[in-house]
Amino acid sequence: MKSFRLLLKLLRETHTVKIWMIFLAFFFVCAFIVWFREPEIQSFPDAMWYCYAVVTTVGFGDMVVHSHLARILSVILSIYAVVIIAITTGVIVNFFNQMLEIRKKNTLAEFVDKLEHLPDLSKDELEDLSKRVRKFKENMKK
């Protein structure tokens, strides 16, 4: 649950949801203009399919635009999509980095807590703590 809250916090702080909403609005506007301007594209779903091919940069080739406006929109839409994907990737990487930092801090806090109560620990607990410290040190070297 903590990780979900952290992800939501990151999405809010980075305005990723707003960025995606603006992108989706631009996507639908482009699809509408392509549908309106291109005689070969007969329906709005076909125009959305064409825009999807542009956004994903796969370019299936089953639909081709001929008007200059539609071509310019296609270029802008593809560049915009690359930027959106880069931003989203950065947010996701940041999320995982923060999760790793939280785990490290929790592990360190647990070690410190056990060290503070060292005289109260049993022999088994001391051995377990020693193993965990060695494992933690190995992970820190990587």
C-alpha atoms as a PDB file:
ATOM      1  CA  MET A   1       0.000   0.000   0.000  1.00  0.00           C
ATOM      2  CA  LYS A   2       2.910   2.332   0.757  1.00  0.00           C
ATOM      3  CA  SER A   3       4.302   1.826  -2.728  1.00  0.00           C
ATOM      4  CA  PHE A   4       0.945   2.689  -4.301  1.00  0.00           C
ATOM      5  CA  ARG A   5       0.716   5.892  -2.241  1.00  0.00           C
ATOM      6  CA  LEU A   6       4.271   6.770  -3.216  1.00  0.00           C
ATOM      7  CA  LEU A   7       3.466   6.234  -6.894  1.00  0.00           C
ATOM      8  CA  LEU A   8       0.379   8.448  -6.626  1.00  0.00           C
ATOM      9  CA  LYS A   9       2.453  11.106  -4.884  1.00  0.00           C
ATOM     10  CA  LEU A  10       5.050  11.004  -7.654  1.00  0.00           C
ATOM     11  CA  LEU A  11       2.366  11.216 -10.342  1.00  0.00           C
ATOM     12  CA  ARG A  12       0.904  14.283  -8.610  1.00  0.00           C
ATOM     13  CA  GLU A  13       4.235  15.980  -8.000  1.00  0.00           C
ATOM     14  CA  THR A  14       5.445  15.470 -11.556  1.00  0.00           C
ATOM     15  CA  HIS A  15       2.048  16.332 -13.103  1.00  0.00           C
ATOM     16  CA  THR A  16       2.304  13.142 -15.166  1.00  0.00           C
ATOM     17  CA  VAL A  17      -1.456  12.607 -15.187  1.00  0.00           C
ATOM     18  CA  LYS A  18      -2.036  16.129 -16.527  1.00  0.00           C
ATOM     19  CA  ILE A  19       0.661  15.610 -19.142  1.00  0.00           C
ATOM     20  CA  TRP A  20      -0.994  12.376 -20.281  1.00  0.00           C
ATOM     21  CA  MET A  21      -4.446  13.992 -20.368  1.00  0.00           C
ATOM     22  CA  ILE A  22      -3.135  16.800 -22.573  1.00  0.00           C
ATOM     23  CA  PHE A  23      -1.418  14.233 -24.773  1.00  0.00           C
ATOM     24  CA  LEU A  24      -4.611  12.186 -25.132  1.00  0.00           C
ATOM     25  CA  ALA A  25      -6.583  15.320 -26.007  1.00  0.00           C
ATOM     26  CA  PHE A  26      -3.972  16.187 -28.644  1.00  0.00           C
ATOM     27  CA  PHE A  27      -4.142  12.601 -29.916  1.00  0.00           C
ATOM     28  CA  PHE A  28      -7.918  12.813 -30.413  1.00  0.00           C
ATOM     29  CA  VAL A  29      -7.681  16.246 -32.039  1.00  0.00           C
ATOM     30  CA  CYS A  30      -5.090  14.895 -34.459  1.00  0.00           C
ATOM     31  CA  ALA A  31      -7.285  11.870 -35.192  1.00  0.00           C
ATOM     32  CA  PHE A  32     -10.233  14.157 -35.883  1.00  0.00           C
ATOM     33  CA  ILE A  33      -8.217  16.407 -38.219  1.00  0.00           C
ATOM     34  CA  VAL A  34      -6.780  13.402 -40.065  1.00  0.00           C
ATOM     35  CA  TRP A  35     -10.263  11.912 -40.446  1.00  0.00           C
ATOM     36  CA  PHE A  36     -11.611  15.254 -41.662  1.00  0.00           C
ATOM     37  CA  ARG A  37      -8.747  15.985 -44.120  1.00  0.00           C
ATOM     38  CA  GLU A  38      -7.887  12.575 -45.542  1.00  0.00           C
ATOM     39  CA  PRO A  39     -10.285  11.030 -48.058  1.00  0.00           C
ATOM     40  CA  GLU A  40      -8.735   7.565 -47.680  1.00  0.00           C
ATOM     41  CA  ILE A  41      -9.519   7.444 -43.966  1.00  0.00           C
ATOM     42  CA  GLN A  42     -13.232   6.736 -43.825  1.00  0.00           C
ATOM     43  CA  SER A  43     -13.991   6.681 -40.087  1.00  0.00           C
ATOM     44  CA  PHE A  44     -12.862   8.177 -36.809  1.00  0.00           C
ATOM     45  CA  PRO A  45     -11.715   4.769 -35.488  1.00  0.00           C
ATOM     46  CA  ASP A  46      -9.549   4.421 -38.608  1.00  0.00           C
ATOM     47  CA  ALA A  47      -8.085   7.845 -37.901  1.00  0.00           C
ATOM     48  CA  MET A  48      -7.390   6.791 -34.316  1.00  0.00           C
ATOM     49  CA  TRP A  49      -5.721   3.625 -35.648  1.00  0.00           C
ATOM     50  CA  TYR A  50      -3.536   5.743 -37.910  1.00  0.00           C
ATOM     51  CA  CYS A  51      -2.597   8.018 -34.985  1.00  0.00           C
ATOM     52  CA  TYR A  52      -1.834   4.961 -32.870  1.00  0.00           C
ATOM     53  CA  ALA A  53       0.559   3.737 -35.552  1.00  0.00           C
ATOM     54  CA  VAL A  54       2.208   7.162 -35.542  1.00  0.00           C
ATOM     55  CA  VAL A  55       2.448   7.375 -31.730  1.00  0.00           C
ATOM     56  CA  THR A  56       3.942   3.913 -31.357  1.00  0.00           C
ATOM     57  CA  THR A  57       6.284   4.666 -34.286  1.00  0.00           C
ATOM     58  CA  VAL A  58       5.503   1.312 -35.858  1.00  0.00           C
ATOM     59  CA  GLY A  59       3.921   2.814 -38.983  1.00  0.00           C
ATOM     60  CA  PHE A  60       1.943  -0.217 -40.159  1.00  0.00           C
ATOM     61  CA  GLY A  61       1.503   1.294 -43.606  1.00  0.00           C
ATOM     62  CA  ASP A  62      -2.105   0.191 -43.966  1.00  0.00           C
ATOM     63  CA  MET A  63      -3.108   3.858 -43.975  1.00  0.00           C
ATOM     64  CA  VAL A  64      -1.127   6.712 -45.450  1.00  0.00           C
ATOM     65  CA  VAL A  65      -1.883  10.419 -45.303  1.00  0.00           C
ATOM     66  CA  HIS A  66      -1.292  12.689 -48.274  1.00  0.00           C
ATOM     67  CA  SER A  67      -2.184  16.188 -47.153  1.00  0.00           C
ATOM     68  CA  HIS A  68       0.565  18.417 -45.824  1.00  0.00           C
ATOM     69  CA  LEU A  69      -1.410  19.241 -42.689  1.00  0.00           C
ATOM     70  CA  ALA A  70      -1.889  15.564 -41.819  1.00  0.00           C
ATOM     71  CA  ARG A  71       1.803  14.856 -42.426  1.00  0.00           C
ATOM     72  CA  ILE A  72       2.875  17.760 -40.235  1.00  0.00           C
ATOM     73  CA  LEU A  73       0.486  16.604 -37.487  1.00  0.00           C
ATOM     74  CA  SER A  74       1.911  13.097 -37.804  1.00  0.00           C
ATOM     75  CA  VAL A  75       5.442  14.367 -37.249  1.00  0.00           C
ATOM     76  CA  ILE A  76       4.408  16.516 -34.284  1.00  0.00           C
ATOM     77  CA  LEU A  77       2.376  13.668 -32.787  1.00  0.00           C
ATOM     78  CA  SER A  78       5.271  11.208 -33.080  1.00  0.00           C
ATOM     79  CA  ILE A  79       7.757  13.630 -31.478  1.00  0.00           C
ATOM     80  CA  TYR A  80       5.263  14.445 -28.727  1.00  0.00           C
ATOM     81  CA  ALA A  81       4.768  10.712 -28.069  1.00  0.00           C
ATOM     82  CA  VAL A  82       8.503  10.127 -27.713  1.00  0.00           C
ATOM     83  CA  VAL A  83       8.703  12.961 -25.164  1.00  0.00           C
ATOM     84  CA  ILE A  84       5.713  11.607 -23.223  1.00  0.00           C
ATOM     85  CA  ILE A  85       7.204   8.115 -23.116  1.00  0.00           C
ATOM     86  CA  ALA A  86      10.532   9.553 -21.894  1.00  0.00           C
ATOM     87  CA  ILE A  87       8.813  11.518 -19.127  1.00  0.00           C
ATOM     88  CA  THR A  88       6.790   8.497 -18.040  1.00  0.00           C
ATOM     89  CA  THR A  89       9.886   6.298 -18.039  1.00  0.00           C
ATOM     90  CA  GLY A  90      11.687   8.834 -15.854  1.00  0.00           C
ATOM     91  CA  VAL A  91       8.815   8.897 -13.364  1.00  0.00           C
ATOM     92  CA  ILE A  92       8.732   5.094 -13.179  1.00  0.00           C
ATOM     93  CA  VAL A  93      12.507   4.870 -12.671  1.00  0.00           C
ATOM     94  CA  ASN A  94      12.268   7.534  -9.969  1.00  0.00           C
ATOM     95  CA  PHE A  95       9.506   5.532  -8.285  1.00  0.00           C
ATOM     96  CA  PHE A  96      11.620   2.379  -8.152  1.00  0.00           C
ATOM     97  CA  ASN A  97      14.652   4.312  -6.903  1.00  0.00           C
ATOM     98  CA  GLN A  98      12.579   5.790  -4.087  1.00  0.00           C
ATOM     99  CA  MET A  99      11.264   2.327  -3.195  1.00  0.00           C
ATOM    100  CA  LEU A 100      14.834   1.025  -2.963  1.00  0.00           C
ATOM    101  CA  GLU A 101      15.823   3.977  -0.753  1.00  0.00           C
ATOM    102  CA  ILE A 102      12.873   3.298   1.562  1.00  0.00           C
ATOM    103  CA  ARG A 103      13.918  -0.357   1.858  1.00  0.00           C
ATOM    104  CA  LYS A 104      17.508   0.651   2.648  1.00  0.00           C
ATOM    105  CA  LYS A 105      16.365   3.115   5.304  1.00  0.00           C
ATOM    106  CA  ASN A 106      14.034   0.529   6.864  1.00  0.00           C
ATOM    107  CA  THR A 107      16.821  -2.060   6.913  1.00  0.00           C
ATOM    108  CA  LEU A 108      19.224   0.404   8.503  1.00  0.00           C
ATOM    109  CA  ALA A 109      16.619   1.454  11.068  1.00  0.00           C
ATOM    110  CA  GLU A 110      16.016  -2.174  11.941  1.00  0.00           C
ATOM    111  CA  PHE A 111      19.775  -2.790  12.330  1.00  0.00           C
ATOM    112  CA  VAL A 112      20.166   0.259  14.551  1.00  0.00           C
ATOM    113  CA  ASP A 113      17.202  -0.801  16.677  1.00  0.00           C
ATOM    114  CA  LYS A 114      18.673  -4.266  17.187  1.00  0.00           C
ATOM    115  CA  LEU A 115      22.098  -2.797  17.943  1.00  0.00           C
ATOM    116  CA  GLU A 116      20.566  -0.580  20.606  1.00  0.00           C
ATOM    117  CA  HIS A 117      19.087  -3.680  22.251  1.00  0.00           C
ATOM    118  CA  LEU A 118      22.150  -5.877  21.713  1.00  0.00           C
ATOM    119  CA  PRO A 119      22.393  -7.140  25.301  1.00  0.00           C
ATOM    120  CA  ASP A 120      18.761  -8.300  25.153  1.00  0.00           C
ATOM    121  CA  LEU A 121      19.186 -10.424  21.990  1.00  0.00           C
ATOM    122  CA  SER A 122      19.500 -14.189  22.120  1.00  0.00           C
ATOM    123  CA  LYS A 123      22.408 -16.046  20.528  1.00  0.00           C
ATOM    124  CA  ASP A 124      20.241 -17.014  17.525  1.00  0.00           C
ATOM    125  CA  GLU A 125      19.101 -13.418  17.060  1.00  0.00           C
ATOM    126  CA  LEU A 126      22.728 -12.244  17.212  1.00  0.00           C
ATOM    127  CA  GLU A 127      23.745 -14.776  14.552  1.00  0.00           C
ATOM    128  CA  ASP A 128      20.829 -13.731  12.363  1.00  0.00           C
ATOM    129  CA  LEU A 129      21.749 -10.084  12.783  1.00  0.00           C
ATOM    130  CA  SER A 130      25.367 -10.841  11.894  1.00  0.00           C
ATOM    131  CA  LYS A 131      24.296 -12.657   8.700  1.00  0.00           C
ATOM    132  CA  ARG A 132      22.010  -9.805   7.719  1.00  0.00           C
ATOM    133  CA  VAL A 133      24.768  -7.228   8.304  1.00  0.00           C
ATOM    134  CA  ARG A 134      27.145  -9.218   6.078  1.00  0.00           C
ATOM    135  CA  LYS A 135      24.497  -9.515   3.384  1.00  0.00           C
ATOM    136  CA  PHE A 136      23.747  -5.799   3.643  1.00  0.00           C
ATOM    137  CA  LYS A 137      27.453  -4.948   3.308  1.00  0.00           C
ATOM    138  CA  GLU A 138      27.725  -7.177   0.219  1.00  0.00           C
ATOM    139  CA  ASN A 139      24.737  -5.464  -1.371  1.00  0.00           C
ATOM    140  CA  MET A 140      26.209  -2.030  -0.638  1.00  0.00           C
ATOM    141  CA  LYS A 141      29.400  -2.971  -2.523  1.00  0.00           C
ATOM    142  CA  LYS A 142      27.444  -3.756  -5.697  1.00  0.00           C
END
